[in-house]
């Protein structure tokens, strides 16, 4: 229970840091604080679903699709060129097809795992390429650049949770295993906490530079 509370409350770290220094932020950071606020709303809704024992897996899928569109736009807006436009559009189309098929057919776990596999791999590659771009094109210490912390947070988070979401595709029977359920819960919560802490670091860069 305490880990769940920490996981949910950790979104307040980047929320507070971003709002507290909002007037000093770069434009890219101001875009990102609105993403954090939207994440806060999703976190509250997800917790309400959990409290009332409502299946929220579809909501997590919706969040991932929203993430997909936001970060495609966000990196493009910031001028991060990774030459992945065609691949991005292919991933978007593929994942939307998977969502529709899963909703229509109710095939279940294997479709879920296929969806998570494709979208997580894309986020991992996108974050890694963005970090490479930063190291190659940003003068000075890359860690003083807010986008480094955003990309690093996403890279670490999706690497942490990658296996627990695609493992049911390898072993469908394991999904209902009580031990796996606890491991799933612990890893997901830990990844969420680490991600939000690193997100918070992105809003400290302006203070360091000032």
N, C-alpha and C. Protein backbone atom coordinates (compact mmCIF):
# COMPACT_ATOMS: atom_id res chain seq x y z
N UNK A 1 0.82 -1.21 0.00
CA UNK A 1 0.00 0.00 0.00
C UNK A 1 0.86 1.26 0.00
N UNK A 2 1.92 1.26 0.84
CA UNK A 2 2.77 2.45 0.94
C UNK A 2 3.50 2.73 -0.36
N UNK A 3 3.87 1.65 -1.10
CA UNK A 3 4.54 1.83 -2.38
C UNK A 3 3.59 2.44 -3.40
N UNK A 4 2.34 2.05 -3.34
CA UNK A 4 1.33 2.60 -4.23
C UNK A 4 1.14 4.09 -3.98
N UNK A 5 1.12 4.46 -2.70
CA UNK A 5 0.97 5.87 -2.34
C UNK A 5 2.17 6.67 -2.83
N UNK A 6 3.38 6.14 -2.63
CA UNK A 6 4.59 6.82 -3.09
C UNK A 6 4.60 6.98 -4.61
N UNK A 7 4.18 5.91 -5.30
CA UNK A 7 4.15 5.94 -6.75
C UNK A 7 3.20 7.03 -7.26
N UNK A 8 2.01 7.09 -6.69
CA UNK A 8 1.04 8.09 -7.10
C UNK A 8 1.47 9.49 -6.72
N UNK A 9 2.01 9.62 -5.50
CA UNK A 9 2.41 10.94 -4.99
C UNK A 9 3.64 11.49 -5.69
N UNK A 10 4.44 10.62 -6.31
CA UNK A 10 5.69 11.07 -6.93
C UNK A 10 5.46 12.04 -8.08
N UNK A 11 4.27 12.02 -8.68
CA UNK A 11 3.96 12.96 -9.76
C UNK A 11 3.94 14.39 -9.24
N UNK A 12 3.78 14.55 -7.92
CA UNK A 12 3.77 15.89 -7.33
C UNK A 12 5.15 16.52 -7.35
N UNK A 13 6.21 15.71 -7.48
CA UNK A 13 7.58 16.26 -7.51
C UNK A 13 7.78 17.14 -8.74
N UNK A 14 7.60 16.61 -9.97
CA UNK A 14 7.75 17.51 -11.13
C UNK A 14 6.66 18.57 -11.20
N UNK A 15 5.47 18.26 -10.68
CA UNK A 15 4.39 19.26 -10.69
C UNK A 15 4.77 20.47 -9.87
N UNK A 16 5.24 20.24 -8.65
CA UNK A 16 5.63 21.34 -7.76
C UNK A 16 6.83 22.10 -8.32
N UNK A 17 7.86 21.38 -8.75
CA UNK A 17 9.07 22.04 -9.26
C UNK A 17 8.77 22.85 -10.52
N UNK A 18 7.92 22.31 -11.38
CA UNK A 18 7.59 23.02 -12.61
C UNK A 18 6.77 24.27 -12.36
N UNK A 19 5.74 24.16 -11.52
CA UNK A 19 4.88 25.30 -11.24
C UNK A 19 5.62 26.35 -10.41
N UNK A 20 6.48 25.91 -9.52
CA UNK A 20 7.20 26.82 -8.65
C UNK A 20 8.15 27.73 -9.43
N UNK A 21 8.69 27.22 -10.54
CA UNK A 21 9.64 28.01 -11.32
C UNK A 21 9.11 28.33 -12.71
N UNK A 22 7.78 28.33 -12.86
CA UNK A 22 7.18 28.44 -14.18
C UNK A 22 7.63 29.68 -14.95
N UNK A 23 7.70 30.82 -14.29
CA UNK A 23 8.04 32.06 -14.99
C UNK A 23 9.50 32.11 -15.44
N UNK A 24 10.32 31.19 -14.92
CA UNK A 24 11.73 31.16 -15.31
C UNK A 24 12.03 30.07 -16.34
N UNK A 25 11.03 29.32 -16.72
CA UNK A 25 11.26 28.17 -17.60
C UNK A 25 11.45 28.58 -19.05
N UNK A 26 12.21 27.74 -19.77
CA UNK A 26 12.28 27.87 -21.21
C UNK A 26 10.92 27.46 -21.79
N UNK A 27 10.67 27.84 -23.03
CA UNK A 27 9.39 27.52 -23.66
C UNK A 27 9.14 26.01 -23.70
N UNK A 28 10.21 25.25 -24.00
CA UNK A 28 10.08 23.80 -24.05
C UNK A 28 9.68 23.21 -22.72
N UNK A 29 10.16 23.80 -21.63
CA UNK A 29 9.79 23.34 -20.30
C UNK A 29 8.34 23.70 -19.98
N UNK A 30 7.88 24.82 -20.50
CA UNK A 30 6.49 25.22 -20.26
C UNK A 30 5.53 24.27 -20.98
N UNK A 31 5.92 23.81 -22.16
CA UNK A 31 5.12 22.79 -22.84
C UNK A 31 5.05 21.53 -21.97
N UNK A 32 6.20 21.20 -21.41
CA UNK A 32 6.29 19.95 -20.66
C UNK A 32 5.51 19.99 -19.36
N UNK A 33 5.40 21.15 -18.71
CA UNK A 33 4.66 21.22 -17.46
C UNK A 33 3.18 20.93 -17.69
N UNK A 34 2.67 21.28 -18.87
CA UNK A 34 1.28 20.96 -19.17
C UNK A 34 1.10 19.45 -19.35
N UNK A 35 2.12 18.80 -19.87
CA UNK A 35 2.10 17.33 -19.95
C UNK A 35 2.08 16.74 -18.54
N UNK A 36 2.86 17.30 -17.64
CA UNK A 36 2.91 16.83 -16.25
C UNK A 36 1.55 17.02 -15.58
N UNK A 37 0.91 18.14 -15.82
CA UNK A 37 -0.41 18.39 -15.23
C UNK A 37 -1.44 17.40 -15.76
N UNK A 38 -1.34 17.09 -17.05
CA UNK A 38 -2.24 16.09 -17.62
C UNK A 38 -1.97 14.72 -17.01
N UNK A 39 -0.69 14.42 -16.77
CA UNK A 39 -0.32 13.15 -16.13
C UNK A 39 -0.88 13.08 -14.71
N UNK A 40 -0.89 14.21 -14.03
CA UNK A 40 -1.46 14.28 -12.68
C UNK A 40 -2.95 13.92 -12.70
N UNK A 41 -3.66 14.44 -13.69
CA UNK A 41 -5.09 14.13 -13.83
C UNK A 41 -5.28 12.64 -14.08
N UNK A 42 -4.47 12.07 -14.99
CA UNK A 42 -4.55 10.64 -15.27
C UNK A 42 -4.24 9.82 -14.03
N UNK A 43 -3.28 10.28 -13.23
CA UNK A 43 -2.90 9.55 -12.01
C UNK A 43 -4.07 9.52 -11.03
N UNK A 44 -4.76 10.64 -10.90
CA UNK A 44 -5.92 10.71 -10.00
C UNK A 44 -7.03 9.78 -10.48
N UNK A 45 -7.30 9.81 -11.79
CA UNK A 45 -8.34 8.95 -12.35
C UNK A 45 -7.98 7.48 -12.18
N UNK A 46 -6.72 7.15 -12.43
CA UNK A 46 -6.25 5.76 -12.29
C UNK A 46 -6.42 5.28 -10.85
N UNK A 47 -6.07 6.14 -9.89
CA UNK A 47 -6.22 5.78 -8.47
C UNK A 47 -7.67 5.57 -8.11
N UNK A 48 -8.57 6.37 -8.67
CA UNK A 48 -10.00 6.21 -8.41
C UNK A 48 -10.50 4.88 -8.97
N UNK A 49 -10.01 4.52 -10.17
CA UNK A 49 -10.37 3.23 -10.76
C UNK A 49 -9.91 2.09 -9.86
N UNK A 50 -8.68 2.22 -9.35
CA UNK A 50 -8.13 1.17 -8.47
C UNK A 50 -8.95 1.08 -7.19
N UNK A 51 -9.30 2.23 -6.63
CA UNK A 51 -10.06 2.27 -5.37
C UNK A 51 -11.41 1.59 -5.52
N UNK A 52 -12.04 1.79 -6.67
CA UNK A 52 -13.36 1.20 -6.90
C UNK A 52 -13.27 -0.14 -7.63
N UNK A 53 -12.04 -0.67 -7.71
CA UNK A 53 -11.80 -2.00 -8.29
C UNK A 53 -12.31 -2.09 -9.74
N UNK A 54 -11.97 -1.08 -10.54
CA UNK A 54 -12.33 -1.05 -11.95
C UNK A 54 -11.09 -1.31 -12.79
N UNK A 55 -11.18 -2.18 -13.76
CA UNK A 55 -10.05 -2.49 -14.63
C UNK A 55 -9.60 -1.23 -15.37
N UNK A 56 -8.32 -0.84 -15.16
CA UNK A 56 -7.84 0.40 -15.78
C UNK A 56 -6.78 0.16 -16.85
N UNK A 57 -6.67 -1.08 -17.35
CA UNK A 57 -5.67 -1.37 -18.37
C UNK A 57 -5.93 -0.56 -19.64
N UNK A 58 -7.22 -0.41 -19.99
CA UNK A 58 -7.55 0.38 -21.18
C UNK A 58 -7.14 1.83 -21.01
N UNK A 59 -7.21 2.33 -19.75
CA UNK A 59 -6.82 3.70 -19.48
C UNK A 59 -5.32 3.87 -19.66
N UNK A 60 -4.54 2.87 -19.23
CA UNK A 60 -3.09 2.93 -19.40
C UNK A 60 -2.74 2.93 -20.88
N UNK A 61 -3.48 2.15 -21.68
CA UNK A 61 -3.26 2.16 -23.13
C UNK A 61 -3.55 3.54 -23.71
N UNK A 62 -4.62 4.15 -23.24
CA UNK A 62 -4.97 5.48 -23.70
C UNK A 62 -3.88 6.49 -23.35
N UNK A 63 -3.33 6.36 -22.15
CA UNK A 63 -2.23 7.23 -21.72
C UNK A 63 -1.02 7.05 -22.63
N UNK A 64 -0.70 5.81 -22.98
CA UNK A 64 0.45 5.54 -23.85
C UNK A 64 0.25 6.13 -25.23
N UNK A 65 -0.96 6.03 -25.76
CA UNK A 65 -1.24 6.62 -27.08
C UNK A 65 -1.13 8.14 -27.00
N UNK A 66 -1.64 8.74 -25.92
CA UNK A 66 -1.52 10.18 -25.73
C UNK A 66 -0.04 10.57 -25.62
N UNK A 67 0.74 9.76 -24.90
CA UNK A 67 2.20 9.97 -24.80
C UNK A 67 2.83 9.95 -26.19
N UNK A 68 2.42 8.98 -26.97
CA UNK A 68 2.98 8.80 -28.30
C UNK A 68 2.80 10.06 -29.14
N UNK A 69 1.58 10.55 -29.20
CA UNK A 69 1.30 11.74 -29.99
C UNK A 69 1.97 12.99 -29.41
N UNK A 70 1.96 13.11 -28.08
CA UNK A 70 2.57 14.29 -27.47
C UNK A 70 4.06 14.36 -27.76
N UNK A 71 4.77 13.26 -27.55
CA UNK A 71 6.22 13.31 -27.69
C UNK A 71 6.67 13.33 -29.15
N UNK A 72 5.87 12.83 -30.06
CA UNK A 72 6.16 13.02 -31.48
C UNK A 72 6.12 14.52 -31.79
N UNK A 73 5.06 15.17 -31.31
CA UNK A 73 4.92 16.62 -31.52
C UNK A 73 6.00 17.38 -30.75
N UNK A 74 6.27 16.97 -29.51
CA UNK A 74 7.18 17.70 -28.62
C UNK A 74 8.59 17.73 -29.17
N UNK A 75 9.12 16.59 -29.55
CA UNK A 75 10.48 16.55 -30.07
C UNK A 75 10.58 17.28 -31.41
N UNK A 76 9.54 17.19 -32.21
CA UNK A 76 9.52 17.93 -33.48
C UNK A 76 9.51 19.43 -33.20
N UNK A 77 8.71 19.85 -32.23
CA UNK A 77 8.61 21.27 -31.87
C UNK A 77 9.94 21.81 -31.38
N UNK A 78 10.71 21.00 -30.68
CA UNK A 78 12.00 21.42 -30.15
C UNK A 78 13.13 21.26 -31.15
N UNK A 79 12.81 20.77 -32.33
CA UNK A 79 13.81 20.66 -33.38
C UNK A 79 14.74 19.48 -33.25
N UNK A 80 14.29 18.45 -32.51
CA UNK A 80 15.11 17.25 -32.37
C UNK A 80 14.84 16.36 -33.58
N UNK A 81 15.79 16.32 -34.49
CA UNK A 81 15.61 15.57 -35.73
C UNK A 81 16.25 14.18 -35.60
N UNK A 82 15.43 13.14 -35.70
CA UNK A 82 15.95 11.77 -35.62
C UNK A 82 15.69 10.98 -36.90
N UNK A 83 15.13 11.64 -37.91
CA UNK A 83 14.85 10.99 -39.20
C UNK A 83 13.99 9.74 -39.04
N UNK A 84 13.02 9.83 -38.14
CA UNK A 84 12.16 8.68 -37.88
C UNK A 84 10.70 8.94 -38.25
N UNK A 85 10.44 9.97 -39.06
CA UNK A 85 9.06 10.35 -39.31
C UNK A 85 8.23 9.19 -39.87
N UNK A 86 8.76 8.49 -40.88
CA UNK A 86 8.01 7.38 -41.48
C UNK A 86 7.81 6.26 -40.47
N UNK A 87 8.84 5.98 -39.71
CA UNK A 87 8.73 4.92 -38.69
C UNK A 87 7.72 5.33 -37.61
N UNK A 88 7.73 6.61 -37.25
CA UNK A 88 6.79 7.11 -36.25
C UNK A 88 5.36 6.90 -36.71
N UNK A 89 5.09 7.30 -37.95
CA UNK A 89 3.75 7.16 -38.50
C UNK A 89 3.34 5.69 -38.58
N UNK A 90 4.31 4.83 -38.89
CA UNK A 90 4.03 3.40 -38.96
C UNK A 90 3.66 2.85 -37.58
N UNK A 91 4.40 3.28 -36.55
CA UNK A 91 4.11 2.84 -35.18
C UNK A 91 2.74 3.32 -34.74
N UNK A 92 2.43 4.58 -35.03
CA UNK A 92 1.13 5.13 -34.67
C UNK A 92 0.00 4.32 -35.32
N UNK A 93 0.14 4.09 -36.62
CA UNK A 93 -0.89 3.33 -37.35
C UNK A 93 -1.00 1.91 -36.82
N UNK A 94 0.13 1.27 -36.57
CA UNK A 94 0.14 -0.11 -36.09
C UNK A 94 -0.54 -0.23 -34.73
N UNK A 95 -0.19 0.67 -33.82
CA UNK A 95 -0.74 0.59 -32.48
C UNK A 95 -2.24 0.91 -32.45
N UNK A 96 -2.65 1.81 -33.31
CA UNK A 96 -4.08 2.09 -33.38
C UNK A 96 -4.85 0.88 -33.92
N UNK A 97 -4.25 0.20 -34.90
CA UNK A 97 -4.87 -1.01 -35.43
C UNK A 97 -4.97 -2.08 -34.34
N UNK A 98 -3.90 -2.24 -33.56
CA UNK A 98 -3.88 -3.23 -32.47
C UNK A 98 -4.97 -2.90 -31.45
N UNK A 99 -5.11 -1.62 -31.11
CA UNK A 99 -6.13 -1.23 -30.16
C UNK A 99 -7.53 -1.55 -30.68
N UNK A 100 -7.77 -1.23 -31.94
CA UNK A 100 -9.08 -1.48 -32.53
C UNK A 100 -9.38 -2.97 -32.58
N UNK A 101 -8.39 -3.76 -33.06
CA UNK A 101 -8.57 -5.21 -33.14
C UNK A 101 -8.82 -5.81 -31.77
N UNK A 102 -8.06 -5.36 -30.80
CA UNK A 102 -8.22 -5.89 -29.45
C UNK A 102 -9.60 -5.55 -28.89
N UNK A 103 -10.06 -4.33 -29.19
CA UNK A 103 -11.37 -3.93 -28.71
C UNK A 103 -12.50 -4.69 -29.39
N UNK A 104 -12.31 -5.03 -30.67
CA UNK A 104 -13.36 -5.71 -31.42
C UNK A 104 -13.38 -7.21 -31.17
N UNK A 105 -12.19 -7.78 -31.05
CA UNK A 105 -12.10 -9.24 -30.97
C UNK A 105 -12.04 -9.78 -29.55
N UNK A 106 -11.58 -8.94 -28.62
CA UNK A 106 -11.42 -9.37 -27.22
C UNK A 106 -10.46 -10.56 -27.12
N UNK A 107 -9.45 -10.58 -28.01
CA UNK A 107 -8.50 -11.69 -27.98
C UNK A 107 -7.68 -11.67 -26.70
N UNK A 108 -7.34 -10.46 -26.21
CA UNK A 108 -6.78 -10.39 -24.88
C UNK A 108 -5.29 -10.21 -24.77
N UNK A 109 -4.67 -11.05 -23.91
CA UNK A 109 -3.32 -10.82 -23.43
C UNK A 109 -2.29 -10.72 -24.54
N UNK A 110 -2.36 -11.58 -25.56
CA UNK A 110 -1.34 -11.55 -26.62
C UNK A 110 -1.41 -10.24 -27.40
N UNK A 111 -2.60 -9.73 -27.65
CA UNK A 111 -2.72 -8.44 -28.32
C UNK A 111 -2.20 -7.33 -27.42
N UNK A 112 -2.47 -7.42 -26.14
CA UNK A 112 -1.96 -6.44 -25.19
C UNK A 112 -0.43 -6.41 -25.23
N UNK A 113 0.17 -7.58 -25.18
CA UNK A 113 1.63 -7.66 -25.18
C UNK A 113 2.23 -7.14 -26.48
N UNK A 114 1.57 -7.41 -27.58
CA UNK A 114 2.04 -6.92 -28.88
C UNK A 114 1.98 -5.40 -28.92
N UNK A 115 0.92 -4.85 -28.38
CA UNK A 115 0.78 -3.40 -28.30
C UNK A 115 1.89 -2.81 -27.45
N UNK A 116 2.09 -3.36 -26.25
CA UNK A 116 3.11 -2.84 -25.35
C UNK A 116 4.51 -3.01 -25.94
N UNK A 117 4.76 -4.14 -26.57
CA UNK A 117 6.07 -4.40 -27.17
C UNK A 117 6.41 -3.32 -28.20
N UNK A 118 5.48 -3.04 -29.10
CA UNK A 118 5.76 -2.08 -30.17
C UNK A 118 5.92 -0.66 -29.63
N UNK A 119 5.04 -0.26 -28.74
CA UNK A 119 5.08 1.12 -28.28
C UNK A 119 6.23 1.37 -27.30
N UNK A 120 6.55 0.37 -26.46
CA UNK A 120 7.67 0.53 -25.53
C UNK A 120 9.00 0.58 -26.29
N UNK A 121 9.14 -0.29 -27.29
CA UNK A 121 10.37 -0.27 -28.09
C UNK A 121 10.54 1.07 -28.77
N UNK A 122 9.44 1.61 -29.27
CA UNK A 122 9.53 2.91 -29.91
C UNK A 122 9.98 3.99 -28.93
N UNK A 123 9.39 4.00 -27.72
CA UNK A 123 9.75 5.01 -26.73
C UNK A 123 11.21 4.87 -26.31
N UNK A 124 11.68 3.63 -26.17
CA UNK A 124 13.07 3.40 -25.79
C UNK A 124 14.01 3.93 -26.86
N UNK A 125 13.72 3.60 -28.12
CA UNK A 125 14.56 4.06 -29.23
C UNK A 125 14.49 5.58 -29.36
N UNK A 126 13.29 6.13 -29.26
CA UNK A 126 13.12 7.58 -29.37
C UNK A 126 13.93 8.31 -28.29
N UNK A 127 13.86 7.82 -27.06
CA UNK A 127 14.58 8.46 -25.95
C UNK A 127 16.09 8.33 -26.13
N UNK A 128 16.54 7.15 -26.54
CA UNK A 128 17.97 6.93 -26.73
C UNK A 128 18.51 7.82 -27.85
N UNK A 129 17.79 7.92 -28.96
CA UNK A 129 18.22 8.76 -30.08
C UNK A 129 18.24 10.23 -29.70
N UNK A 130 17.28 10.64 -28.88
CA UNK A 130 17.25 12.03 -28.43
C UNK A 130 18.45 12.34 -27.56
N UNK A 131 18.82 11.41 -26.68
CA UNK A 131 20.00 11.61 -25.83
C UNK A 131 21.27 11.67 -26.67
N UNK A 132 21.36 10.82 -27.68
CA UNK A 132 22.52 10.85 -28.57
C UNK A 132 22.59 12.20 -29.28
N UNK A 133 21.43 12.67 -29.75
CA UNK A 133 21.37 13.98 -30.41
C UNK A 133 21.87 15.08 -29.48
N UNK A 134 21.46 15.04 -28.22
CA UNK A 134 21.87 16.04 -27.23
C UNK A 134 23.38 16.02 -27.03
N UNK A 135 23.96 14.83 -26.86
CA UNK A 135 25.40 14.71 -26.65
C UNK A 135 26.19 15.21 -27.85
N UNK A 136 25.63 15.03 -29.04
CA UNK A 136 26.35 15.40 -30.25
C UNK A 136 26.17 16.87 -30.63
N UNK A 137 25.09 17.50 -30.17
CA UNK A 137 24.77 18.84 -30.67
C UNK A 137 24.70 19.93 -29.61
N UNK A 138 24.64 19.57 -28.35
CA UNK A 138 24.54 20.58 -27.29
C UNK A 138 25.92 20.85 -26.70
N UNK A 139 26.33 22.11 -26.73
CA UNK A 139 27.62 22.47 -26.15
C UNK A 139 27.54 22.50 -24.63
N UNK A 140 28.65 22.17 -24.00
CA UNK A 140 28.69 22.16 -22.54
C UNK A 140 28.19 20.86 -21.96
N UNK A 141 27.81 20.91 -20.70
CA UNK A 141 27.37 19.72 -19.98
C UNK A 141 25.94 19.35 -20.40
N UNK A 142 25.74 18.19 -20.99
CA UNK A 142 24.39 17.79 -21.42
C UNK A 142 23.38 17.74 -20.29
N UNK A 143 23.84 17.47 -19.06
CA UNK A 143 22.91 17.36 -17.93
C UNK A 143 22.35 18.71 -17.50
N UNK A 144 22.89 19.80 -18.05
CA UNK A 144 22.34 21.12 -17.75
C UNK A 144 21.20 21.48 -18.70
N UNK A 145 20.92 20.58 -19.64
CA UNK A 145 19.86 20.79 -20.63
C UNK A 145 18.63 20.01 -20.20
N UNK A 146 17.50 20.67 -20.07
CA UNK A 146 16.30 20.03 -19.51
C UNK A 146 15.85 18.80 -20.28
N UNK A 147 16.04 18.82 -21.60
CA UNK A 147 15.56 17.70 -22.41
C UNK A 147 16.34 16.42 -22.13
N UNK A 148 17.57 16.55 -21.64
CA UNK A 148 18.35 15.37 -21.26
C UNK A 148 17.62 14.59 -20.17
N UNK A 149 17.13 15.31 -19.15
CA UNK A 149 16.47 14.65 -18.03
C UNK A 149 15.14 14.03 -18.43
N UNK A 150 14.44 14.68 -19.34
CA UNK A 150 13.17 14.13 -19.83
C UNK A 150 13.41 12.84 -20.59
N UNK A 151 14.38 12.86 -21.49
CA UNK A 151 14.69 11.67 -22.29
C UNK A 151 15.26 10.55 -21.42
N UNK A 152 16.12 10.93 -20.47
CA UNK A 152 16.72 9.93 -19.58
C UNK A 152 15.65 9.28 -18.72
N UNK A 153 14.71 10.08 -18.22
CA UNK A 153 13.61 9.56 -17.40
C UNK A 153 12.80 8.54 -18.18
N UNK A 154 12.46 8.87 -19.42
CA UNK A 154 11.64 7.99 -20.23
C UNK A 154 12.40 6.73 -20.62
N UNK A 155 13.68 6.86 -20.91
CA UNK A 155 14.49 5.70 -21.25
C UNK A 155 14.55 4.72 -20.09
N UNK A 156 14.85 5.22 -18.90
CA UNK A 156 14.94 4.37 -17.71
C UNK A 156 13.59 3.74 -17.39
N UNK A 157 12.52 4.53 -17.44
CA UNK A 157 11.20 4.03 -17.09
C UNK A 157 10.76 2.89 -17.99
N UNK A 158 10.88 3.07 -19.29
CA UNK A 158 10.39 2.05 -20.21
C UNK A 158 11.31 0.82 -20.25
N UNK A 159 12.59 1.00 -19.95
CA UNK A 159 13.47 -0.15 -19.80
C UNK A 159 13.09 -0.97 -18.57
N UNK A 160 12.71 -0.27 -17.50
CA UNK A 160 12.34 -0.95 -16.26
C UNK A 160 11.06 -1.77 -16.43
N UNK A 161 10.04 -1.17 -17.05
CA UNK A 161 8.75 -1.84 -17.12
C UNK A 161 8.57 -2.69 -18.37
N UNK A 162 9.54 -2.66 -19.27
CA UNK A 162 9.41 -3.36 -20.55
C UNK A 162 9.06 -4.84 -20.37
N UNK A 163 9.84 -5.53 -19.56
CA UNK A 163 9.70 -6.99 -19.45
C UNK A 163 8.39 -7.39 -18.79
N UNK A 164 7.90 -6.59 -17.82
CA UNK A 164 6.69 -7.02 -17.10
C UNK A 164 5.43 -6.86 -17.95
N UNK A 165 5.53 -6.05 -19.01
CA UNK A 165 4.35 -5.89 -19.86
C UNK A 165 4.36 -6.81 -21.08
N UNK A 166 5.55 -7.26 -21.49
CA UNK A 166 5.58 -8.15 -22.65
C UNK A 166 5.74 -9.62 -22.24
N UNK A 167 6.06 -9.87 -20.99
CA UNK A 167 6.27 -11.24 -20.55
C UNK A 167 5.04 -12.13 -20.73
N UNK A 168 3.84 -11.60 -20.51
CA UNK A 168 2.64 -12.44 -20.74
C UNK A 168 2.53 -12.94 -22.18
N UNK A 169 3.18 -12.25 -23.12
CA UNK A 169 3.16 -12.73 -24.50
C UNK A 169 3.97 -14.01 -24.65
N UNK A 170 4.98 -14.15 -23.78
CA UNK A 170 5.82 -15.35 -23.78
C UNK A 170 5.19 -16.45 -22.94
N UNK A 171 4.63 -16.04 -21.81
CA UNK A 171 3.98 -16.98 -20.89
C UNK A 171 2.60 -16.46 -20.51
N UNK A 172 1.59 -16.67 -21.33
CA UNK A 172 0.24 -16.15 -21.04
C UNK A 172 -0.31 -16.64 -19.70
N UNK A 173 0.10 -17.83 -19.29
CA UNK A 173 -0.43 -18.39 -18.05
C UNK A 173 0.08 -17.68 -16.81
N UNK A 174 1.19 -16.93 -16.96
CA UNK A 174 1.81 -16.31 -15.80
C UNK A 174 1.05 -15.08 -15.33
N UNK A 175 0.18 -14.53 -16.21
CA UNK A 175 -0.47 -13.26 -15.91
C UNK A 175 -1.33 -13.34 -14.65
N UNK A 176 -1.91 -14.50 -14.40
CA UNK A 176 -2.78 -14.65 -13.23
C UNK A 176 -2.04 -15.19 -12.01
N UNK A 177 -0.74 -15.34 -12.13
CA UNK A 177 0.06 -15.83 -11.02
C UNK A 177 0.20 -14.75 -9.95
N UNK A 178 -0.04 -15.10 -8.69
CA UNK A 178 -0.03 -14.11 -7.61
C UNK A 178 1.36 -13.50 -7.43
N UNK A 179 2.41 -14.33 -7.52
CA UNK A 179 3.78 -13.83 -7.36
C UNK A 179 4.11 -12.83 -8.46
N UNK A 180 3.75 -13.18 -9.70
CA UNK A 180 4.00 -12.28 -10.82
C UNK A 180 3.24 -10.97 -10.62
N UNK A 181 2.03 -11.05 -10.08
CA UNK A 181 1.24 -9.86 -9.83
C UNK A 181 1.95 -8.91 -8.87
N UNK A 182 2.57 -9.46 -7.82
CA UNK A 182 3.29 -8.63 -6.85
C UNK A 182 4.54 -8.02 -7.49
N UNK A 183 5.26 -8.84 -8.27
CA UNK A 183 6.46 -8.35 -8.95
C UNK A 183 6.08 -7.24 -9.93
N UNK A 184 5.02 -7.48 -10.69
CA UNK A 184 4.49 -6.50 -11.64
C UNK A 184 4.21 -5.17 -10.93
N UNK A 185 3.54 -5.26 -9.81
CA UNK A 185 3.15 -4.08 -9.03
C UNK A 185 4.38 -3.32 -8.53
N UNK A 186 5.36 -4.04 -7.98
CA UNK A 186 6.56 -3.42 -7.40
C UNK A 186 7.40 -2.74 -8.48
N UNK A 187 7.63 -3.47 -9.59
CA UNK A 187 8.47 -2.92 -10.66
C UNK A 187 7.81 -1.70 -11.29
N UNK A 188 6.52 -1.79 -11.55
CA UNK A 188 5.80 -0.68 -12.18
C UNK A 188 5.83 0.56 -11.28
N UNK A 189 5.58 0.37 -10.00
CA UNK A 189 5.58 1.50 -9.06
C UNK A 189 6.97 2.10 -8.92
N UNK A 190 8.00 1.26 -8.84
CA UNK A 190 9.37 1.74 -8.73
C UNK A 190 9.78 2.54 -9.96
N UNK A 191 9.44 2.03 -11.14
CA UNK A 191 9.74 2.74 -12.38
C UNK A 191 9.06 4.09 -12.43
N UNK A 192 7.83 4.15 -11.96
CA UNK A 192 7.07 5.39 -11.96
C UNK A 192 7.70 6.43 -11.04
N UNK A 193 8.16 5.99 -9.88
CA UNK A 193 8.79 6.90 -8.92
C UNK A 193 10.09 7.47 -9.49
N UNK A 194 10.92 6.59 -10.05
CA UNK A 194 12.20 7.03 -10.63
C UNK A 194 11.95 8.01 -11.77
N UNK A 195 10.99 7.69 -12.63
CA UNK A 195 10.68 8.55 -13.77
C UNK A 195 10.26 9.95 -13.31
N UNK A 196 9.40 10.03 -12.32
CA UNK A 196 8.92 11.33 -11.86
C UNK A 196 10.01 12.14 -11.17
N UNK A 197 10.91 11.47 -10.45
CA UNK A 197 12.04 12.16 -9.84
C UNK A 197 12.93 12.78 -10.92
N UNK A 198 13.21 12.00 -11.96
CA UNK A 198 14.05 12.50 -13.06
C UNK A 198 13.33 13.60 -13.84
N UNK A 199 12.02 13.46 -14.02
CA UNK A 199 11.24 14.54 -14.64
C UNK A 199 11.42 15.83 -13.84
N UNK A 200 11.40 15.71 -12.52
CA UNK A 200 11.58 16.88 -11.66
C UNK A 200 12.92 17.55 -11.91
N UNK A 201 13.94 16.74 -12.20
CA UNK A 201 15.27 17.30 -12.48
C UNK A 201 15.28 18.20 -13.69
N UNK A 202 14.38 17.98 -14.63
CA UNK A 202 14.35 18.81 -15.84
C UNK A 202 13.96 20.25 -15.51
N UNK A 203 13.26 20.47 -14.40
CA UNK A 203 12.83 21.82 -14.04
C UNK A 203 13.86 22.52 -13.15
N UNK A 204 14.94 21.83 -12.80
CA UNK A 204 16.00 22.44 -12.01
C UNK A 204 17.08 23.06 -12.89
N UNK A 205 17.09 22.71 -14.14
CA UNK A 205 18.14 23.18 -15.05
C UNK A 205 18.16 24.69 -15.15
N UNK A 206 17.00 25.33 -15.22
CA UNK A 206 16.93 26.78 -15.35
C UNK A 206 17.50 27.46 -14.11
N UNK A 207 17.28 26.85 -12.95
CA UNK A 207 17.80 27.45 -11.72
C UNK A 207 19.31 27.36 -11.66
N UNK A 208 19.86 26.25 -12.16
CA UNK A 208 21.30 26.08 -12.21
C UNK A 208 21.91 27.11 -13.15
N UNK A 209 21.25 27.28 -14.32
CA UNK A 209 21.76 28.23 -15.30
C UNK A 209 21.64 29.67 -14.83
N UNK A 210 20.63 29.94 -14.01
CA UNK A 210 20.46 31.29 -13.50
C UNK A 210 21.47 31.57 -12.39
